[in-house]
Amino acid sequence: KDKEIEPAREKNKQLAKQVIKYLSSQGIARE
């Protein structure tokens, strides 16, 4: 949540990338 859409979207994007990278590092296949 943010007072503006751009920072909210950017923070969401960064956290999503972090989550995906972490899951991949645990041996979970991209598919």
PDB file of all heavy atoms in Angstrom:
ATOM      1  N   LYS A   1       0.856  -1.187   0.000  1.00  0.00           N
ATOM      2  CA  LYS A   1       0.000   0.000   0.000  1.00  0.00           C
ATOM      3  C   LYS A   1       0.887   1.230   0.000  1.00  0.00           C
ATOM      4  O   LYS A   1       1.916   1.261   0.663  1.00  0.00           O
ATOM      5  CB  LYS A   1      -0.880   0.023   1.253  1.00  0.00           C
ATOM      6  CG  LYS A   1      -1.825  -1.154   1.374  1.00  0.00           C
ATOM      7  CD  LYS A   1      -2.575  -1.117   2.681  1.00  0.00           C
ATOM      8  CE  LYS A   1      -3.454  -2.339   2.849  1.00  0.00           C
ATOM      9  NZ  LYS A   1      -4.183  -2.324   4.111  1.00  0.00           N
ATOM     10  N   ASP A   2       0.457   2.248  -0.770  1.00  0.00           N
ATOM     11  CA  ASP A   2       1.215   3.500  -0.823  1.00  0.00           C
ATOM     12  C   ASP A   2       0.267   4.621  -1.226  1.00  0.00           C
ATOM     13  O   ASP A   2      -0.802   4.361  -1.779  1.00  0.00           O
ATOM     14  CB  ASP A   2       2.363   3.378  -1.837  1.00  0.00           C
ATOM     15  CG  ASP A   2       3.476   4.381  -1.560  1.00  0.00           C
ATOM     16  OD1 ASP A   2       3.224   5.596  -1.705  1.00  0.00           O
ATOM     17  OD2 ASP A   2       4.579   3.942  -1.188  1.00  0.00           O
ATOM     18  N   LYS A   3       0.687   5.835  -0.975  1.00  0.00           N
ATOM     19  CA  LYS A   3      -0.137   6.993  -1.343  1.00  0.00           C
ATOM     20  C   LYS A   3      -0.151   7.234  -2.849  1.00  0.00           C
ATOM     21  O   LYS A   3      -0.994   7.959  -3.354  1.00  0.00           O
ATOM     22  CB  LYS A   3       0.345   8.233  -0.600  1.00  0.00           C
ATOM     23  CG  LYS A   3       0.154   8.117   0.903  1.00  0.00           C
ATOM     24  CD  LYS A   3       0.023   9.479   1.533  1.00  0.00           C
ATOM     25  CE  LYS A   3      -0.180   9.385   3.016  1.00  0.00           C
ATOM     26  NZ  LYS A   3      -1.521   9.013   3.398  1.00  0.00           N
ATOM     27  N   GLU A   4       0.804   6.607  -3.563  1.00  0.00           N
ATOM     28  CA  GLU A   4       0.862   6.722  -5.017  1.00  0.00           C
ATOM     29  C   GLU A   4       1.011   5.334  -5.628  1.00  0.00           C
ATOM     30  O   GLU A   4       1.595   4.435  -5.025  1.00  0.00           O
ATOM     31  CB  GLU A   4       2.024   7.614  -5.433  1.00  0.00           C
ATOM     32  CG  GLU A   4       1.854   9.058  -4.962  1.00  0.00           C
ATOM     33  CD  GLU A   4       2.967   9.960  -5.448  1.00  0.00           C
ATOM     34  OE1 GLU A   4       3.522   9.684  -6.533  1.00  0.00           O
ATOM     35  OE2 GLU A   4       3.267  10.930  -4.745  1.00  0.00           O
ATOM     36  N   ILE A   5       0.502   5.178  -6.855  1.00  0.00           N
ATOM     37  CA  ILE A   5       0.487   3.857  -7.485  1.00  0.00           C
ATOM     38  C   ILE A   5       1.878   3.395  -7.921  1.00  0.00           C
ATOM     39  O   ILE A   5       2.225   2.222  -7.773  1.00  0.00           O
ATOM     40  CB  ILE A   5      -0.515   3.790  -8.669  1.00  0.00           C
ATOM     41  CG1 ILE A   5      -0.684   2.335  -9.165  1.00  0.00           C
ATOM     42  CG2 ILE A   5      -0.089   4.692  -9.812  1.00  0.00           C
ATOM     43  CD1 ILE A   5      -1.300   1.405  -8.190  1.00  0.00           C
ATOM     44  N   GLU A   6       2.707   4.294  -8.445  1.00  0.00           N
ATOM     45  CA  GLU A   6       4.015   3.890  -8.964  1.00  0.00           C
ATOM     46  C   GLU A   6       4.904   3.268  -7.884  1.00  0.00           C
ATOM     47  O   GLU A   6       5.474   2.188  -8.098  1.00  0.00           O
ATOM     48  CB  GLU A   6       4.748   5.060  -9.649  1.00  0.00           C
ATOM     49  CG  GLU A   6       4.108   5.525 -10.939  1.00  0.00           C
ATOM     50  CD  GLU A   6       2.965   6.521 -10.713  1.00  0.00           C
ATOM     51  OE1 GLU A   6       2.782   7.001  -9.569  1.00  0.00           O
ATOM     52  OE2 GLU A   6       2.251   6.792 -11.678  1.00  0.00           O
ATOM     53  N   PRO A   7       5.040   3.906  -6.702  1.00  0.00           N
ATOM     54  CA  PRO A   7       5.860   3.266  -5.658  1.00  0.00           C
ATOM     55  C   PRO A   7       5.254   1.940  -5.168  1.00  0.00           C
ATOM     56  O   PRO A   7       5.992   0.998  -4.876  1.00  0.00           O
ATOM     57  CB  PRO A   7       5.891   4.283  -4.516  1.00  0.00           C
ATOM     58  CG  PRO A   7       5.493   5.581  -5.119  1.00  0.00           C
ATOM     59  CD  PRO A   7       4.633   5.261  -6.307  1.00  0.00           C
ATOM     60  N   ALA A   8       3.926   1.859  -5.098  1.00  0.00           N
ATOM     61  CA  ALA A   8       3.288   0.615  -4.670  1.00  0.00           C
ATOM     62  C   ALA A   8       3.605  -0.501  -5.659  1.00  0.00           C
ATOM     63  O   ALA A   8       3.986  -1.613  -5.272  1.00  0.00           O
ATOM     64  CB  ALA A   8       1.772   0.804  -4.539  1.00  0.00           C
ATOM     65  N   ARG A   9       3.475  -0.202  -6.938  1.00  0.00           N
ATOM     66  CA  ARG A   9       3.756  -1.201  -7.989  1.00  0.00           C
ATOM     67  C   ARG A   9       5.226  -1.603  -7.970  1.00  0.00           C
ATOM     68  O   ARG A   9       5.563  -2.776  -8.084  1.00  0.00           O
ATOM     69  CB  ARG A   9       3.357  -0.628  -9.353  1.00  0.00           C
ATOM     70  CG  ARG A   9       3.803  -1.456 -10.541  1.00  0.00           C
ATOM     71  CD  ARG A   9       3.057  -2.767 -10.644  1.00  0.00           C
ATOM     72  NE  ARG A   9       3.471  -3.457 -11.850  1.00  0.00           N
ATOM     73  CZ  ARG A   9       3.997  -4.664 -11.872  1.00  0.00           C
ATOM     74  NH1 ARG A   9       4.145  -5.366 -10.771  1.00  0.00           N
ATOM     75  NH2 ARG A   9       4.362  -5.217 -13.004  1.00  0.00           N
ATOM     76  N   GLU A  10       6.122  -0.634  -7.814  1.00  0.00           N
ATOM     77  CA  GLU A  10       7.560  -0.925  -7.820  1.00  0.00           C
ATOM     78  C   GLU A  10       7.958  -1.791  -6.614  1.00  0.00           C
ATOM     79  O   GLU A  10       8.708  -2.753  -6.753  1.00  0.00           O
ATOM     80  CB  GLU A  10       8.381   0.370  -7.848  1.00  0.00           C
ATOM     81  CG  GLU A  10       9.866   0.145  -8.026  1.00  0.00           C
ATOM     82  CD  GLU A  10      10.239  -0.638  -9.285  1.00  0.00           C
ATOM     83  OE1 GLU A  10       9.575  -0.495 -10.326  1.00  0.00           O
ATOM     84  OE2 GLU A  10      11.211  -1.425  -9.201  1.00  0.00           O
ATOM     85  N   LYS A  11       7.446  -1.462  -5.427  1.00  0.00           N
ATOM     86  CA  LYS A  11       7.749  -2.266  -4.231  1.00  0.00           C
ATOM     87  C   LYS A  11       7.198  -3.687  -4.398  1.00  0.00           C
ATOM     88  O   LYS A  11       7.842  -4.658  -4.013  1.00  0.00           O
ATOM     89  CB  LYS A  11       7.156  -1.613  -2.979  1.00  0.00           C
ATOM     90  CG  LYS A  11       7.853  -0.343  -2.566  1.00  0.00           C
ATOM     91  CD  LYS A  11       7.116   0.324  -1.397  1.00  0.00           C
ATOM     92  CE  LYS A  11       7.616   1.733  -1.164  1.00  0.00           C
ATOM     93  NZ  LYS A  11       6.780   2.469  -0.206  1.00  0.00           N
ATOM     94  N   ASN A  12       6.003  -3.785  -4.982  1.00  0.00           N
ATOM     95  CA  ASN A  12       5.396  -5.092  -5.225  1.00  0.00           C
ATOM     96  C   ASN A  12       6.269  -5.902  -6.181  1.00  0.00           C
ATOM     97  O   ASN A  12       6.528  -7.088  -5.958  1.00  0.00           O
ATOM     98  CB  ASN A  12       3.987  -4.904  -5.798  1.00  0.00           C
ATOM     99  CG  ASN A  12       3.267  -6.215  -5.999  1.00  0.00           C
ATOM    100  OD1 ASN A  12       3.573  -6.963  -6.915  1.00  0.00           O
ATOM    101  ND2 ASN A  12       2.304  -6.486  -5.126  1.00  0.00           N
ATOM    102  N   LYS A  13       6.712  -5.242  -7.242  1.00  0.00           N
ATOM    103  CA  LYS A  13       7.544  -5.906  -8.240  1.00  0.00           C
ATOM    104  C   LYS A  13       8.848  -6.416  -7.623  1.00  0.00           C
ATOM    105  O   LYS A  13       9.262  -7.547  -7.868  1.00  0.00           O
ATOM    106  CB  LYS A  13       7.833  -4.910  -9.372  1.00  0.00           C
ATOM    107  CG  LYS A  13       8.131  -5.533 -10.688  1.00  0.00           C
ATOM    108  CD  LYS A  13       7.946  -4.587 -11.860  1.00  0.00           C
ATOM    109  CE  LYS A  13       8.894  -3.432 -11.898  1.00  0.00           C
ATOM    110  NZ  LYS A  13       8.804  -2.661 -13.146  1.00  0.00           N
ATOM    111  N   GLN A  14       9.469  -5.592  -6.800  1.00  0.00           N
ATOM    112  CA  GLN A  14      10.732  -5.977  -6.173  1.00  0.00           C
ATOM    113  C   GLN A  14      10.545  -7.150  -5.202  1.00  0.00           C
ATOM    114  O   GLN A  14      11.357  -8.078  -5.179  1.00  0.00           O
ATOM    115  CB  GLN A  14      11.381  -4.784  -5.460  1.00  0.00           C
ATOM    116  CG  GLN A  14      11.857  -3.691  -6.405  1.00  0.00           C
ATOM    117  CD  GLN A  14      12.731  -4.217  -7.529  1.00  0.00           C
ATOM    118  OE1 GLN A  14      13.645  -5.004  -7.314  1.00  0.00           O
ATOM    119  NE2 GLN A  14      12.428  -3.791  -8.764  1.00  0.00           N
ATOM    120  N   LEU A  15       9.493  -7.111  -4.400  1.00  0.00           N
ATOM    121  CA  LEU A  15       9.242  -8.199  -3.462  1.00  0.00           C
ATOM    122  C   LEU A  15       8.894  -9.489  -4.219  1.00  0.00           C
ATOM    123  O   LEU A  15       9.346 -10.576  -3.846  1.00  0.00           O
ATOM    124  CB  LEU A  15       8.141  -7.841  -2.465  1.00  0.00           C
ATOM    125  CG  LEU A  15       7.863  -8.865  -1.365  1.00  0.00           C
ATOM    126  CD1 LEU A  15       9.127  -9.288  -0.625  1.00  0.00           C
ATOM    127  CD2 LEU A  15       6.829  -8.323  -0.383  1.00  0.00           C
ATOM    128  N   ALA A  16       8.135  -9.379  -5.292  1.00  0.00           N
ATOM    129  CA  ALA A  16       7.800 -10.558  -6.106  1.00  0.00           C
ATOM    130  C   ALA A  16       9.067 -11.180  -6.685  1.00  0.00           C
ATOM    131  O   ALA A  16       9.242 -12.404  -6.647  1.00  0.00           O
ATOM    132  CB  ALA A  16       6.827 -10.185  -7.222  1.00  0.00           C
ATOM    133  N   LYS A  17       9.969 -10.352  -7.188  1.00  0.00           N
ATOM    134  CA  LYS A  17      11.241 -10.864  -7.717  1.00  0.00           C
ATOM    135  C   LYS A  17      12.034 -11.564  -6.613  1.00  0.00           C
ATOM    136  O   LYS A  17      12.628 -12.622  -6.838  1.00  0.00           O
ATOM    137  CB  LYS A  17      12.074  -9.723  -8.306  1.00  0.00           C
ATOM    138  CG  LYS A  17      11.583  -9.224  -9.644  1.00  0.00           C
ATOM    139  CD  LYS A  17      12.473  -8.093 -10.135  1.00  0.00           C
ATOM    140  CE  LYS A  17      11.967  -7.517 -11.442  1.00  0.00           C
ATOM    141  NZ  LYS A  17      12.812  -6.411 -11.919  1.00  0.00           N
ATOM    142  N   GLN A  18      12.037 -10.971  -5.431  1.00  0.00           N
ATOM    143  CA  GLN A  18      12.755 -11.547  -4.284  1.00  0.00           C
ATOM    144  C   GLN A  18      12.152 -12.908  -3.915  1.00  0.00           C
ATOM    145  O   GLN A  18      12.882 -13.870  -3.659  1.00  0.00           O
ATOM    146  CB  GLN A  18      12.684 -10.575  -3.106  1.00  0.00           C
ATOM    147  CG  GLN A  18      13.445 -10.989  -1.888  1.00  0.00           C
ATOM    148  CD  GLN A  18      13.269  -9.995  -0.736  1.00  0.00           C
ATOM    149  OE1 GLN A  18      12.686  -8.922  -0.883  1.00  0.00           O
ATOM    150  NE2 GLN A  18      13.757 -10.378   0.425  1.00  0.00           N
ATOM    151  N   VAL A  19      10.829 -12.999  -3.876  1.00  0.00           N
ATOM    152  CA  VAL A  19      10.143 -14.250  -3.544  1.00  0.00           C
ATOM    153  C   VAL A  19      10.460 -15.319  -4.589  1.00  0.00           C
ATOM    154  O   VAL A  19      10.806 -16.462  -4.256  1.00  0.00           O
ATOM    155  CB  VAL A  19       8.619 -14.028  -3.415  1.00  0.00           C
ATOM    156  CG1 VAL A  19       7.861 -15.354  -3.424  1.00  0.00           C
ATOM    157  CG2 VAL A  19       8.308 -13.232  -2.157  1.00  0.00           C
ATOM    158  N   ILE A  20      10.367 -14.976  -5.858  1.00  0.00           N
ATOM    159  CA  ILE A  20      10.633 -15.927  -6.943  1.00  0.00           C
ATOM    160  C   ILE A  20      12.088 -16.393  -6.900  1.00  0.00           C
ATOM    161  O   ILE A  20      12.371 -17.590  -7.041  1.00  0.00           O
ATOM    162  CB  ILE A  20      10.264 -15.315  -8.311  1.00  0.00           C
ATOM    163  CG1 ILE A  20       8.740 -15.136  -8.396  1.00  0.00           C
ATOM    164  CG2 ILE A  20      10.788 -16.162  -9.461  1.00  0.00           C
ATOM    165  CD1 ILE A  20       8.266 -14.271  -9.545  1.00  0.00           C
ATOM    166  N   LYS A  21      13.002 -15.460  -6.671  1.00  0.00           N
ATOM    167  CA  LYS A  21      14.424 -15.814  -6.575  1.00  0.00           C
ATOM    168  C   LYS A  21      14.654 -16.758  -5.394  1.00  0.00           C
ATOM    169  O   LYS A  21      15.371 -17.751  -5.513  1.00  0.00           O
ATOM    170  CB  LYS A  21      15.264 -14.546  -6.409  1.00  0.00           C
ATOM    171  CG  LYS A  21      16.746 -14.804  -6.376  1.00  0.00           C
ATOM    172  CD  LYS A  21      17.534 -13.500  -6.271  1.00  0.00           C
ATOM    173  CE  LYS A  21      19.025 -13.783  -6.197  1.00  0.00           C
ATOM    174  NZ  LYS A  21      19.791 -12.552  -6.068  1.00  0.00           N
ATOM    175  N   TYR A  22      14.028 -16.463  -4.257  1.00  0.00           N
ATOM    176  CA  TYR A  22      14.171 -17.324  -3.080  1.00  0.00           C
ATOM    177  C   TYR A  22      13.622 -18.721  -3.362  1.00  0.00           C
ATOM    178  O   TYR A  22      14.279 -19.719  -3.065  1.00  0.00           O
ATOM    179  CB  TYR A  22      13.463 -16.717  -1.861  1.00  0.00           C
ATOM    180  CG  TYR A  22      13.361 -17.711  -0.736  1.00  0.00           C
ATOM    181  CD1 TYR A  22      14.480 -18.034   0.033  1.00  0.00           C
ATOM    182  CD2 TYR A  22      12.179 -18.390  -0.488  1.00  0.00           C
ATOM    183  CE1 TYR A  22      14.403 -18.991   1.033  1.00  0.00           C
ATOM    184  CE2 TYR A  22      12.099 -19.354   0.509  1.00  0.00           C
ATOM    185  CZ  TYR A  22      13.208 -19.649   1.265  1.00  0.00           C
ATOM    186  OH  TYR A  22      13.143 -20.605   2.241  1.00  0.00           O
ATOM    187  N   LEU A  23      12.416 -18.807  -3.919  1.00  0.00           N
ATOM    188  CA  LEU A  23      11.819 -20.117  -4.209  1.00  0.00           C
ATOM    189  C   LEU A  23      12.707 -20.920  -5.153  1.00  0.00           C
ATOM    190  O   LEU A  23      12.921 -22.120  -4.954  1.00  0.00           O
ATOM    191  CB  LEU A  23      10.416 -19.949  -4.789  1.00  0.00           C
ATOM    192  CG  LEU A  23       9.367 -19.379  -3.833  1.00  0.00           C
ATOM    193  CD1 LEU A  23       8.094 -19.034  -4.589  1.00  0.00           C
ATOM    194  CD2 LEU A  23       9.087 -20.329  -2.682  1.00  0.00           C
ATOM    195  N   SER A  24      13.253 -20.255  -6.170  1.00  0.00           N
ATOM    196  CA  SER A  24      14.165 -20.925  -7.103  1.00  0.00           C
ATOM    197  C   SER A  24      15.415 -21.417  -6.378  1.00  0.00           C
ATOM    198  O   SER A  24      15.902 -22.521  -6.653  1.00  0.00           O
ATOM    199  CB  SER A  24      14.557 -19.981  -8.234  1.00  0.00           C
ATOM    200  OG  SER A  24      13.433 -19.667  -9.022  1.00  0.00           O
ATOM    201  N   SER A  25      15.927 -20.629  -5.433  1.00  0.00           N
ATOM    202  CA  SER A  25      17.132 -21.016  -4.687  1.00  0.00           C
ATOM    203  C   SER A  25      16.883 -22.242  -3.800  1.00  0.00           C
ATOM    204  O   SER A  25      17.824 -22.909  -3.385  1.00  0.00           O
ATOM    205  CB  SER A  25      17.646 -19.850  -3.832  1.00  0.00           C
ATOM    206  OG  SER A  25      16.856 -19.702  -2.659  1.00  0.00           O
ATOM    207  N   GLN A  26      15.610 -22.530  -3.524  1.00  0.00           N
ATOM    208  CA  GLN A  26      15.254 -23.698  -2.710  1.00  0.00           C
ATOM    209  C   GLN A  26      15.028 -24.946  -3.568  1.00  0.00           C
ATOM    210  O   GLN A  26      14.527 -25.947  -3.082  1.00  0.00           O
ATOM    211  CB  GLN A  26      14.007 -23.394  -1.866  1.00  0.00           C
ATOM    212  CG  GLN A  26      14.211 -22.286  -0.860  1.00  0.00           C
ATOM    213  CD  GLN A  26      15.415 -22.548   0.040  1.00  0.00           C
ATOM    214  OE1 GLN A  26      15.456 -23.540   0.752  1.00  0.00           O
ATOM    215  NE2 GLN A  26      16.384 -21.652  -0.001  1.00  0.00           N
ATOM    216  N   GLY A  27      15.385 -24.835  -4.847  1.00  0.00           N
ATOM    217  CA  GLY A  27      15.274 -25.987  -5.735  1.00  0.00           C
ATOM    218  C   GLY A  27      13.911 -26.154  -6.372  1.00  0.00           C
ATOM    219  O   GLY A  27      13.629 -27.192  -6.971  1.00  0.00           O
ATOM    220  N   ILE A  28      13.073 -25.148  -6.255  1.00  0.00           N
ATOM    221  CA  ILE A  28      11.742 -25.221  -6.868  1.00  0.00           C
ATOM    222  C   ILE A  28      11.865 -24.775  -8.325  1.00  0.00           C
ATOM    223  O   ILE A  28      12.343 -23.674  -8.603  1.00  0.00           O
ATOM    224  CB  ILE A  28      10.725 -24.360  -6.092  1.00  0.00           C
ATOM    225  CG1 ILE A  28      10.606 -24.890  -4.655  1.00  0.00           C
ATOM    226  CG2 ILE A  28       9.381 -24.349  -6.803  1.00  0.00           C
ATOM    227  CD1 ILE A  28       9.817 -24.015  -3.730  1.00  0.00           C
ATOM    228  N   ALA A  29      11.463 -25.642  -9.241  1.00  0.00           N
ATOM    229  CA  ALA A  29      11.582 -25.365 -10.670  1.00  0.00           C
ATOM    230  C   ALA A  29      10.706 -24.173 -11.064  1.00  0.00           C
ATOM    231  O   ALA A  29       9.627 -23.976 -10.501  1.00  0.00           O
ATOM    232  CB  ALA A  29      11.183 -26.604 -11.468  1.00  0.00           C
ATOM    233  N   ARG A  30      11.163 -23.405 -12.034  1.00  0.00           N
ATOM    234  CA  ARG A  30      10.423 -22.215 -12.490  1.00  0.00           C
ATOM    235  C   ARG A  30       9.006 -22.557 -12.953  1.00  0.00           C
ATOM    236  O   ARG A  30       8.093 -21.768 -12.784  1.00  0.00           O
ATOM    237  CB  ARG A  30      11.175 -21.513 -13.624  1.00  0.00           C
ATOM    238  CG  ARG A  30      12.392 -20.769 -13.180  1.00  0.00           C
ATOM    239  CD  ARG A  30      12.031 -19.583 -12.360  1.00  0.00           C
ATOM    240  NE  ARG A  30      12.911 -18.489 -12.699  1.00  0.00           N
ATOM    241  CZ  ARG A  30      12.746 -17.266 -12.297  1.00  0.00           C
ATOM    242  NH1 ARG A  30      11.724 -16.961 -11.535  1.00  0.00           N
ATOM    243  NH2 ARG A  30      13.568 -16.326 -12.638  1.00  0.00           N
ATOM    244  N   GLU A  31       8.819 -23.761 -13.524  1.00  0.00           N
ATOM    245  CA  GLU A  31       7.471 -24.136 -13.977  1.00  0.00           C
ATOM    246  C   GLU A  31       6.534 -24.423 -12.815  1.00  0.00           C
ATOM    247  O   GLU A  31       5.338 -24.550 -13.011  1.00  0.00           O
ATOM    248  CB  GLU A  31       7.499 -25.317 -14.953  1.00  0.00           C
ATOM    249  CG  GLU A  31       8.060 -26.594 -14.397  1.00  0.00           C
ATOM    250  CD  GLU A  31       9.550 -26.793 -14.683  1.00  0.00           C
ATOM    251  OE1 GLU A  31      10.250 -25.819 -15.012  1.00  0.00           O
ATOM    252  OE2 GLU A  31      10.006 -27.940 -14.566  1.00  0.00           O
TER     253      GLU A  31
END
